[in-house]
Amino acid sequence: MYCSFKSVIHKKMTEKLSIKIKIDGREYPITVGKDDEEKYRKAAKIINDIIVTYRQTYSGKDTQDFLAMTAYQFVLKNMELEEKVDQSPMFDELKKLDEELSDYLSL
């Protein structure tokens, strides 16, 4: 049976895996693209590492506090990244204008 390269690539990209992600001792079953499995597992590891850090630093708090602070930390980081992305086109335009002004002034 003949199978095109494009259809093989498409099939590979759409293959799904059912995996279990463990966050703070609780398992969550999710379905992910085969190529994304490592990314999902790494994200869970980062979350767990942050929770462990909070648990060691603030021993009197409960799990809900650690999860809330971890979520808060990620939202803040996401907001910072969004601000950088939003400013990028502006900086590119300013750089272009600066180059044009430099060229004009050097005449």
Protein backbone atom coordinates (compact mmCIF):
# COMPACT_ATOMS: atom_id res chain seq x y z
CA MET A 1 0.00 0.00 0.00
CA TYR A 2 1.33 3.42 -0.99
CA CYS A 3 1.49 6.08 1.71
CA SER A 4 2.70 9.60 1.03
CA PHE A 5 5.34 11.27 3.16
CA LYS A 6 2.91 14.10 3.93
CA SER A 7 0.29 11.71 5.31
CA VAL A 8 2.91 9.93 7.45
CA ILE A 9 4.03 13.27 8.91
CA HIS A 10 0.42 14.34 9.50
CA LYS A 11 -0.36 11.05 11.24
CA LYS A 12 2.70 11.38 13.46
CA MET A 13 1.79 14.95 14.40
CA THR A 14 -1.77 13.96 15.31
CA GLU A 15 -0.88 10.84 17.32
CA LYS A 16 -2.14 11.19 20.86
CA LEU A 17 -0.93 9.66 24.10
CA SER A 18 -2.81 9.22 27.33
CA ILE A 19 -0.45 10.06 30.15
CA LYS A 20 -0.71 10.75 33.85
CA ILE A 21 0.83 13.91 35.21
CA LYS A 22 1.51 14.02 38.94
CA ILE A 23 1.30 17.40 40.65
CA ASP A 24 1.90 17.56 44.38
CA GLY A 25 1.18 13.87 44.77
CA ARG A 26 -2.08 13.83 42.79
CA GLU A 27 -2.35 12.22 39.38
CA TYR A 28 -4.11 13.90 36.49
CA PRO A 29 -4.84 11.90 33.33
CA ILE A 30 -4.44 13.96 30.18
CA THR A 31 -4.23 13.32 26.47
CA VAL A 32 -1.36 15.02 24.66
CA GLY A 33 0.23 14.96 21.24
CA LYS A 34 3.02 12.43 21.06
CA ASP A 35 5.55 15.16 20.29
CA ASP A 36 4.38 17.23 23.29
CA GLU A 37 4.71 14.56 26.00
CA GLU A 38 8.12 15.72 27.19
CA LYS A 39 6.93 19.34 27.44
CA TYR A 40 3.95 18.35 29.62
CA ARG A 41 6.10 16.21 31.89
CA LYS A 42 8.68 18.98 32.22
CA ALA A 43 5.95 21.50 33.13
CA ALA A 44 4.70 19.18 35.88
CA LYS A 45 8.25 18.78 37.19
CA ILE A 46 8.75 22.55 37.32
CA ILE A 47 5.47 22.98 39.21
CA ASN A 48 6.43 20.26 41.68
CA ASP A 49 9.89 21.78 42.21
CA ILE A 50 8.35 25.18 42.99
CA ILE A 51 5.86 23.61 45.40
CA VAL A 52 8.73 21.83 47.20
CA THR A 53 10.59 25.13 47.50
CA TYR A 54 7.52 26.85 48.99
CA ARG A 55 6.95 23.89 51.32
CA GLN A 56 10.52 24.13 52.61
CA THR A 57 10.37 27.90 53.01
CA TYR A 58 6.91 28.20 54.54
CA SER A 59 6.47 25.03 56.58
CA GLY A 60 3.35 26.21 58.43
CA LYS A 61 1.18 26.57 55.32
CA ASP A 62 -1.04 23.99 53.63
CA THR A 63 -1.01 22.58 50.12
CA GLN A 64 -3.65 25.03 48.89
CA ASP A 65 -1.36 27.93 49.77
CA PHE A 66 1.54 26.38 47.87
CA LEU A 67 -0.60 25.75 44.80
CA ALA A 68 -1.99 29.29 44.92
CA MET A 69 1.47 30.84 45.19
CA THR A 70 2.78 28.66 42.37
CA ALA A 71 -0.12 29.73 40.13
CA TYR A 72 0.46 33.36 41.12
CA GLN A 73 4.15 33.09 40.26
CA PHE A 74 3.36 31.68 36.79
CA VAL A 75 0.75 34.35 36.04
CA LEU A 76 3.21 37.11 36.97
CA LYS A 77 5.88 35.58 34.74
CA ASN A 78 3.38 35.23 31.90
CA MET A 79 2.39 38.89 32.26
CA GLU A 80 6.05 39.95 32.12
CA LEU A 81 6.58 37.90 28.94
CA GLU A 82 3.45 39.35 27.34
CA GLU A 83 4.72 42.88 28.04
CA LYS A 84 8.05 42.04 26.40
CA VAL A 85 6.32 40.59 23.34
CA ASP A 86 4.06 43.62 23.04
CA GLN A 87 7.05 45.98 23.16
CA SER A 88 9.14 44.10 20.63
CA PRO A 89 7.55 45.64 17.50
CA MET A 90 7.93 49.10 19.04
CA PHE A 91 11.65 48.55 19.67
CA ASP A 92 12.12 47.25 16.13
CA GLU A 93 10.46 50.37 14.74
CA LEU A 94 12.56 52.64 16.99
CA LYS A 95 15.72 50.89 15.86
CA LYS A 96 14.72 51.37 12.22
CA LEU A 97 14.02 55.08 12.81
CA ASP A 98 17.34 55.47 14.62
CA GLU A 99 19.18 53.92 11.67
CA GLU A 100 17.35 56.19 9.22
CA LEU A 101 18.20 59.27 11.32
CA SER A 102 21.84 58.21 11.57
CA ASP A 103 22.01 57.74 7.82
CA TYR A 104 20.40 61.13 7.23
CA LEU A 105 22.65 62.94 9.69
CA SER A 106 25.80 61.39 8.23
CA LEU A 107 25.10 62.93 4.81
